[in-house]
Amino acid sequence: MVAETHKGNVVKVRVDPDRCQGHTLCSMIAPESFELDDIEGHASAVSEDVAAEQEDAVREAAHSCPEQAILITETS
């Protein structure tokens, strides 16, 4: 099932592994959407599809990332 926002758009998220430096802000802001690697502490998305109820937290995490490693795409 593809998650849709309240606007009917599909929001997807991914973390660029080359940019992520493991600051962990994303997992503190949106723990249901981001997980950390046990070895290096780098983040990855739990799921590419963002649940509508997680959209605001995922967007906040992306804006808070000092490396701008979180990429959000939105399609209608």
PDB file of N, CA and C in Angstrom:
ATOM      1  N   MET A   1       0.839  -1.184   0.000  1.00  0.00           N
ATOM      2  CA  MET A   1       0.000   0.000   0.000  1.00  0.00           C
ATOM      3  C   MET A   1       0.881   1.244   0.000  1.00  0.00           C
ATOM      4  N   VAL A   2       0.615   2.173  -0.855  1.00  0.00           N
ATOM      5  CA  VAL A   2       1.373   3.412  -0.944  1.00  0.00           C
ATOM      6  C   VAL A   2       0.738   4.446  -0.034  1.00  0.00           C
ATOM      7  N   ALA A   3       1.568   5.079   0.785  1.00  0.00           N
ATOM      8  CA  ALA A   3       1.080   6.098   1.708  1.00  0.00           C
ATOM      9  C   ALA A   3       0.798   7.383   0.952  1.00  0.00           C
ATOM     10  N   GLU A   4      -0.331   8.004   1.242  1.00  0.00           N
ATOM     11  CA  GLU A   4      -0.680   9.278   0.633  1.00  0.00           C
ATOM     12  C   GLU A   4      -0.836  10.319   1.718  1.00  0.00           C
ATOM     13  N   THR A   5      -0.438  11.542   1.416  1.00  0.00           N
ATOM     14  CA  THR A   5      -0.599  12.629   2.359  1.00  0.00           C
ATOM     15  C   THR A   5      -2.052  13.082   2.352  1.00  0.00           C
ATOM     16  N   HIS A   6      -2.358  14.005   3.230  1.00  0.00           N
ATOM     17  CA  HIS A   6      -3.711  14.550   3.275  1.00  0.00           C
ATOM     18  C   HIS A   6      -4.049  15.311   1.995  1.00  0.00           C
ATOM     19  N   LYS A   7      -3.034  15.683   1.223  1.00  0.00           N
ATOM     20  CA  LYS A   7      -3.262  16.363  -0.051  1.00  0.00           C
ATOM     21  C   LYS A   7      -3.412  15.374  -1.196  1.00  0.00           C
ATOM     22  N   GLY A   8      -3.256  14.087  -0.919  1.00  0.00           N
ATOM     23  CA  GLY A   8      -3.364  13.075  -1.953  1.00  0.00           C
ATOM     24  C   GLY A   8      -2.061  12.799  -2.677  1.00  0.00           C
ATOM     25  N   ASN A   9      -0.978  13.441  -2.267  1.00  0.00           N
ATOM     26  CA  ASN A   9       0.319  13.227  -2.893  1.00  0.00           C
ATOM     27  C   ASN A   9       1.056  12.080  -2.207  1.00  0.00           C
ATOM     28  N   VAL A  10       1.932  11.422  -2.944  1.00  0.00           N
ATOM     29  CA  VAL A  10       2.758  10.361  -2.395  1.00  0.00           C
ATOM     30  C   VAL A  10       4.104  10.975  -2.038  1.00  0.00           C
ATOM     31  N   VAL A  11       4.504  10.814  -0.781  1.00  0.00           N
ATOM     32  CA  VAL A  11       5.764  11.362  -0.303  1.00  0.00           C
ATOM     33  C   VAL A  11       6.721  10.206  -0.057  1.00  0.00           C
ATOM     34  N   LYS A  12       7.930  10.349  -0.609  1.00  0.00           N
ATOM     35  CA  LYS A  12       8.964   9.334  -0.431  1.00  0.00           C
ATOM     36  C   LYS A  12      10.197   9.998   0.165  1.00  0.00           C
ATOM     37  N   VAL A  13      10.974   9.207   0.906  1.00  0.00           N
ATOM     38  CA  VAL A  13      12.177   9.737   1.544  1.00  0.00           C
ATOM     39  C   VAL A  13      13.319   8.748   1.383  1.00  0.00           C
ATOM     40  N   ARG A  14      14.519   9.294   1.268  1.00  0.00           N
ATOM     41  CA  ARG A  14      15.710   8.459   1.298  1.00  0.00           C
ATOM     42  C   ARG A  14      16.841   9.282   1.894  1.00  0.00           C
ATOM     43  N   VAL A  15      17.841   8.578   2.399  1.00  0.00           N
ATOM     44  CA  VAL A  15      19.014   9.226   2.973  1.00  0.00           C
ATOM     45  C   VAL A  15      20.198   8.943   2.052  1.00  0.00           C
ATOM     46  N   ASP A  16      20.890   9.986   1.657  1.00  0.00           N
ATOM     47  CA  ASP A  16      22.074   9.840   0.822  1.00  0.00           C
ATOM     48  C   ASP A  16      23.221   9.338   1.706  1.00  0.00           C
ATOM     49  N   PRO A  17      23.661   8.094   1.509  1.00  0.00           N
ATOM     50  CA  PRO A  17      24.685   7.523   2.385  1.00  0.00           C
ATOM     51  C   PRO A  17      26.043   8.209   2.261  1.00  0.00           C
ATOM     52  N   ASP A  18      26.285   8.880   1.151  1.00  0.00           N
ATOM     53  CA  ASP A  18      27.548   9.597   0.985  1.00  0.00           C
ATOM     54  C   ASP A  18      27.576  10.912   1.755  1.00  0.00           C
ATOM     55  N   ARG A  19      26.413  11.459   2.029  1.00  0.00           N
ATOM     56  CA  ARG A  19      26.332  12.742   2.746  1.00  0.00           C
ATOM     57  C   ARG A  19      26.115  12.565   4.242  1.00  0.00           C
ATOM     58  N   CYS A  20      25.421  11.513   4.630  1.00  0.00           N
ATOM     59  CA  CYS A  20      25.090  11.304   6.042  1.00  0.00           C
ATOM     60  C   CYS A  20      26.370  11.122   6.861  1.00  0.00           C
ATOM     61  N   GLN A  21      26.463  11.882   7.946  1.00  0.00           N
ATOM     62  CA  GLN A  21      27.617  11.802   8.838  1.00  0.00           C
ATOM     63  C   GLN A  21      27.247  11.246  10.207  1.00  0.00           C
ATOM     64  N   GLY A  22      25.997  10.804  10.363  1.00  0.00           N
ATOM     65  CA  GLY A  22      25.578  10.168  11.608  1.00  0.00           C
ATOM     66  C   GLY A  22      25.328  11.121  12.765  1.00  0.00           C
ATOM     67  N   HIS A  23      24.823  12.304  12.485  1.00  0.00           N
ATOM     68  CA  HIS A  23      24.510  13.263  13.548  1.00  0.00           C
ATOM     69  C   HIS A  23      23.320  12.803  14.394  1.00  0.00           C
ATOM     70  N   THR A  24      22.510  11.916  13.880  1.00  0.00           N
ATOM     71  CA  THR A  24      21.349  11.271  14.531  1.00  0.00           C
ATOM     72  C   THR A  24      20.145  12.179  14.771  1.00  0.00           C
ATOM     73  N   LEU A  25      20.165  13.397  14.266  1.00  0.00           N
ATOM     74  CA  LEU A  25      19.023  14.289  14.478  1.00  0.00           C
ATOM     75  C   LEU A  25      17.743  13.713  13.876  1.00  0.00           C
ATOM     76  N   CYS A  26      17.856  13.107  12.697  1.00  0.00           N
ATOM     77  CA  CYS A  26      16.659  12.578  12.033  1.00  0.00           C
ATOM     78  C   CYS A  26      15.983  11.506  12.876  1.00  0.00           C
ATOM     79  N   SER A  27      16.771  10.627  13.467  1.00  0.00           N
ATOM     80  CA  SER A  27      16.168   9.554  14.265  1.00  0.00           C
ATOM     81  C   SER A  27      15.614  10.076  15.585  1.00  0.00           C
ATOM     82  N   MET A  28      16.111  11.209  16.065  1.00  0.00           N
ATOM     83  CA  MET A  28      15.538  11.817  17.270  1.00  0.00           C
ATOM     84  C   MET A  28      14.230  12.528  16.943  1.00  0.00           C
ATOM     85  N   ILE A  29      14.164  13.155  15.770  1.00  0.00           N
ATOM     86  CA  ILE A  29      12.968  13.902  15.368  1.00  0.00           C
ATOM     87  C   ILE A  29      11.870  12.977  14.851  1.00  0.00           C
ATOM     88  N   ALA A  30      12.247  11.974  14.060  1.00  0.00           N
ATOM     89  CA  ALA A  30      11.271  11.055  13.448  1.00  0.00           C
ATOM     90  C   ALA A  30      11.727   9.604  13.639  1.00  0.00           C
ATOM     91  N   PRO A  31      11.701   9.105  14.870  1.00  0.00           N
ATOM     92  CA  PRO A  31      12.225   7.762  15.141  1.00  0.00           C
ATOM     93  C   PRO A  31      11.492   6.633  14.417  1.00  0.00           C
ATOM     94  N   GLU A  32      10.249   6.853  14.025  1.00  0.00           N
ATOM     95  CA  GLU A  32       9.505   5.815  13.312  1.00  0.00           C
ATOM     96  C   GLU A  32       9.874   5.762  11.829  1.00  0.00           C
ATOM     97  N   SER A  33      10.581   6.778  11.349  1.00  0.00           N
ATOM     98  CA  SER A  33      10.903   6.863   9.925  1.00  0.00           C
ATOM     99  C   SER A  33      12.375   6.652   9.603  1.00  0.00           C
ATOM    100  N   PHE A  34      13.255   6.803  10.610  1.00  0.00           N
ATOM    101  CA  PHE A  34      14.688   6.659  10.369  1.00  0.00           C
ATOM    102  C   PHE A  34      15.307   5.704  11.375  1.00  0.00           C
ATOM    103  N   GLU A  35      16.250   4.899  10.882  1.00  0.00           N
ATOM    104  CA  GLU A  35      16.989   3.988  11.755  1.00  0.00           C
ATOM    105  C   GLU A  35      18.473   4.237  11.559  1.00  0.00           C
ATOM    106  N   LEU A  36      19.260   3.897  12.578  1.00  0.00           N
ATOM    107  CA  LEU A  36      20.694   4.132  12.534  1.00  0.00           C
ATOM    108  C   LEU A  36      21.442   2.818  12.377  1.00  0.00           C
ATOM    109  N   ASP A  37      22.506   2.863  11.602  1.00  0.00           N
ATOM    110  CA  ASP A  37      23.397   1.719  11.422  1.00  0.00           C
ATOM    111  C   ASP A  37      24.118   1.468  12.744  1.00  0.00           C
ATOM    112  N   ASP A  38      24.170   0.218  13.173  1.00  0.00           N
ATOM    113  CA  ASP A  38      24.796  -0.118  14.448  1.00  0.00           C
ATOM    114  C   ASP A  38      26.306   0.103  14.454  1.00  0.00           C
ATOM    115  N   ILE A  39      26.932   0.043  13.308  1.00  0.00           N
ATOM    116  CA  ILE A  39      28.388   0.145  13.246  1.00  0.00           C
ATOM    117  C   ILE A  39      28.851   1.595  13.107  1.00  0.00           C
ATOM    118  N   GLU A  40      28.370   2.295  12.103  1.00  0.00           N
ATOM    119  CA  GLU A  40      28.833   3.654  11.848  1.00  0.00           C
ATOM    120  C   GLU A  40      27.857   4.732  12.309  1.00  0.00           C
ATOM    121  N   GLY A  41      26.631   4.340  12.653  1.00  0.00           N
ATOM    122  CA  GLY A  41      25.646   5.301  13.120  1.00  0.00           C
ATOM    123  C   GLY A  41      24.986   6.113  12.025  1.00  0.00           C
ATOM    124  N   HIS A  42      25.208   5.745  10.771  1.00  0.00           N
ATOM    125  CA  HIS A  42      24.571   6.464   9.669  1.00  0.00           C
ATOM    126  C   HIS A  42      23.097   6.096   9.589  1.00  0.00           C
ATOM    127  N   ALA A  43      22.305   7.029   9.129  1.00  0.00           N
ATOM    128  CA  ALA A  43      20.858   6.843   9.068  1.00  0.00           C
ATOM    129  C   ALA A  43      20.419   6.265   7.731  1.00  0.00           C
ATOM    130  N   SER A  44      19.267   5.623   7.779  1.00  0.00           N
ATOM    131  CA  SER A  44      18.575   5.196   6.570  1.00  0.00           C
ATOM    132  C   SER A  44      17.085   5.270   6.864  1.00  0.00           C
ATOM    133  N   ALA A  45      16.294   5.359   5.814  1.00  0.00           N
ATOM    134  CA  ALA A  45      14.845   5.404   5.984  1.00  0.00           C
ATOM    135  C   ALA A  45      14.333   4.009   6.306  1.00  0.00           C
ATOM    136  N   VAL A  46      13.429   3.918   7.262  1.00  0.00           N
ATOM    137  CA  VAL A  46      12.802   2.642   7.598  1.00  0.00           C
ATOM    138  C   VAL A  46      12.030   2.137   6.390  1.00  0.00           C
ATOM    139  N   SER A  47      11.346   3.058   5.712  1.00  0.00           N
ATOM    140  CA  SER A  47      10.601   2.752   4.497  1.00  0.00           C
ATOM    141  C   SER A  47      10.720   3.945   3.563  1.00  0.00           C
ATOM    142  N   GLU A  48      10.788   3.681   2.289  1.00  0.00           N
ATOM    143  CA  GLU A  48      10.850   4.770   1.312  1.00  0.00           C
ATOM    144  C   GLU A  48       9.550   5.577   1.318  1.00  0.00           C
ATOM    145  N   ASP A  49       8.432   4.913   1.535  1.00  0.00           N
ATOM    146  CA  ASP A  49       7.129   5.575   1.562  1.00  0.00           C
ATOM    147  C   ASP A  49       6.887   6.180   2.939  1.00  0.00           C
ATOM    148  N   VAL A  50       6.536   7.454   2.958  1.00  0.00           N
ATOM    149  CA  VAL A  50       6.275   8.156   4.211  1.00  0.00           C
ATOM    150  C   VAL A  50       4.785   8.087   4.526  1.00  0.00           C
ATOM    151  N   ALA A  51       4.461   7.575   5.698  1.00  0.00           N
ATOM    152  CA  ALA A  51       3.066   7.546   6.135  1.00  0.00           C
ATOM    153  C   ALA A  51       2.591   8.980   6.354  1.00  0.00           C
ATOM    154  N   ALA A  52       1.347   9.238   6.040  1.00  0.00           N
ATOM    155  CA  ALA A  52       0.799  10.596   6.148  1.00  0.00           C
ATOM    156  C   ALA A  52       1.010  11.183   7.538  1.00  0.00           C
ATOM    157  N   GLU A  53       0.864  10.361   8.573  1.00  0.00           N
ATOM    158  CA  GLU A  53       1.019  10.869   9.946  1.00  0.00           C
ATOM    159  C   GLU A  53       2.482  11.149  10.310  1.00  0.00           C
ATOM    160  N   GLN A  54       3.413  10.698   9.489  1.00  0.00           N
ATOM    161  CA  GLN A  54       4.840  10.945   9.729  1.00  0.00           C
ATOM    162  C   GLN A  54       5.412  12.052   8.844  1.00  0.00           C
ATOM    163  N   GLU A  55       4.613  12.550   7.923  1.00  0.00           N
ATOM    164  CA  GLU A  55       5.116  13.516   6.944  1.00  0.00           C
ATOM    165  C   GLU A  55       5.732  14.757   7.586  1.00  0.00           C
ATOM    166  N   ASP A  56       5.065  15.357   8.547  1.00  0.00           N
ATOM    167  CA  ASP A  56       5.593  16.581   9.165  1.00  0.00           C
ATOM    168  C   ASP A  56       6.920  16.315   9.871  1.00  0.00           C
ATOM    169  N   ALA A  57       7.024  15.203  10.586  1.00  0.00           N
ATOM    170  CA  ALA A  57       8.256  14.866  11.292  1.00  0.00           C
ATOM    171  C   ALA A  57       9.392  14.590  10.313  1.00  0.00           C
ATOM    172  N   VAL A  58       9.090  13.908   9.214  1.00  0.00           N
ATOM    173  CA  VAL A  58      10.119  13.614   8.203  1.00  0.00           C
ATOM    174  C   VAL A  58      10.604  14.917   7.561  1.00  0.00           C
ATOM    175  N   ARG A  59       9.692  15.818   7.271  1.00  0.00           N
ATOM    176  CA  ARG A  59      10.088  17.109   6.696  1.00  0.00           C
ATOM    177  C   ARG A  59      10.936  17.904   7.690  1.00  0.00           C
ATOM    178  N   GLU A  60      10.575  17.877   8.958  1.00  0.00           N
ATOM    179  CA  GLU A  60      11.371  18.568   9.986  1.00  0.00           C
ATOM    180  C   GLU A  60      12.765  17.952  10.085  1.00  0.00           C
ATOM    181  N   ALA A  61      12.839  16.633  10.027  1.00  0.00           N
ATOM    182  CA  ALA A  61      14.137  15.951  10.070  1.00  0.00           C
ATOM    183  C   ALA A  61      14.996  16.361   8.881  1.00  0.00           C
ATOM    184  N   ALA A  62      14.399  16.442   7.701  1.00  0.00           N
ATOM    185  CA  ALA A  62      15.146  16.840   6.506  1.00  0.00           C
ATOM    186  C   ALA A  62      15.684  18.263   6.650  1.00  0.00           C
ATOM    187  N   HIS A  63      14.869  19.161   7.173  1.00  0.00           N
ATOM    188  CA  HIS A  63      15.298  20.552   7.349  1.00  0.00           C
ATOM    189  C   HIS A  63      16.355  20.678   8.438  1.00  0.00           C
ATOM    190  N   SER A  64      16.352  19.753   9.400  1.00  0.00           N
ATOM    191  CA  SER A  64      17.291  19.803  10.519  1.00  0.00           C
ATOM    192  C   SER A  64      18.620  19.125  10.230  1.00  0.00           C
ATOM    193  N   CYS A  65      18.698  18.356   9.169  1.00  0.00           N
ATOM    194  CA  CYS A  65      19.922  17.609   8.861  1.00  0.00           C
ATOM    195  C   CYS A  65      21.045  18.571   8.474  1.00  0.00           C
ATOM    196  N   PRO A  66      22.140  18.605   9.249  1.00  0.00           N
ATOM    197  CA  PRO A  66      23.219  19.533   8.934  1.00  0.00           C
ATOM    198  C   PRO A  66      23.928  19.225   7.615  1.00  0.00           C
ATOM    199  N   GLU A  67      23.843  17.988   7.162  1.00  0.00           N
ATOM    200  CA  GLU A  67      24.495  17.589   5.916  1.00  0.00           C
ATOM    201  C   GLU A  67      23.542  17.626   4.722  1.00  0.00           C
ATOM    202  N   GLN A  68      22.253  17.932   4.971  1.00  0.00           N
ATOM    203  CA  GLN A  68      21.223  17.925   3.927  1.00  0.00           C
ATOM    204  C   GLN A  68      21.223  16.586   3.188  1.00  0.00           C
ATOM    205  N   ALA A  69      21.319  15.508   3.965  1.00  0.00           N
ATOM    206  CA  ALA A  69      21.405  14.157   3.406  1.00  0.00           C
ATOM    207  C   ALA A  69      20.044  13.504   3.197  1.00  0.00           C
ATOM    208  N   ILE A  70      18.987  14.115   3.701  1.00  0.00           N
ATOM    209  CA  ILE A  70      17.650  13.531   3.590  1.00  0.00           C
ATOM    210  C   ILE A  70      16.948  14.131   2.384  1.00  0.00           C
ATOM    211  N   LEU A  71      16.562  13.258   1.468  1.00  0.00           N
ATOM    212  CA  LEU A  71      15.944  13.696   0.224  1.00  0.00           C
ATOM    213  C   LEU A  71      14.474  13.279   0.207  1.00  0.00           C
ATOM    214  N   ILE A  72      13.605  14.252  -0.019  1.00  0.00           N
ATOM    215  CA  ILE A  72      12.173  14.007  -0.053  1.00  0.00           C
ATOM    216  C   ILE A  72      11.667  14.269  -1.456  1.00  0.00           C
ATOM    217  N   THR A  73      10.868  13.343  -1.958  1.00  0.00           N
ATOM    218  CA  THR A  73      10.198  13.556  -3.248  1.00  0.00           C
ATOM    219  C   THR A  73       8.703  13.430  -3.026  1.00  0.00           C
ATOM    220  N   GLU A  74       7.962  14.173  -3.798  1.00  0.00           N
ATOM    221  CA  GLU A  74       6.512  14.179  -3.675  1.00  0.00           C
ATOM    222  C   GLU A  74       5.910  14.133  -5.064  1.00  0.00           C
ATOM    223  N   THR A  75       5.010  13.168  -5.263  1.00  0.00           N
ATOM    224  CA  THR A  75       4.342  13.040  -6.553  1.00  0.00           C
ATOM    225  C   THR A  75       2.837  13.001  -6.336  1.00  0.00           C
ATOM    226  N   SER A  76       2.123  13.403  -7.342  1.00  0.00           N
ATOM    227  CA  SER A  76       0.653  13.388  -7.232  1.00  0.00           C
ATOM    228  C   SER A  76       0.086  12.174  -7.917  1.00  0.00           C
TER     229      SER A  76
END
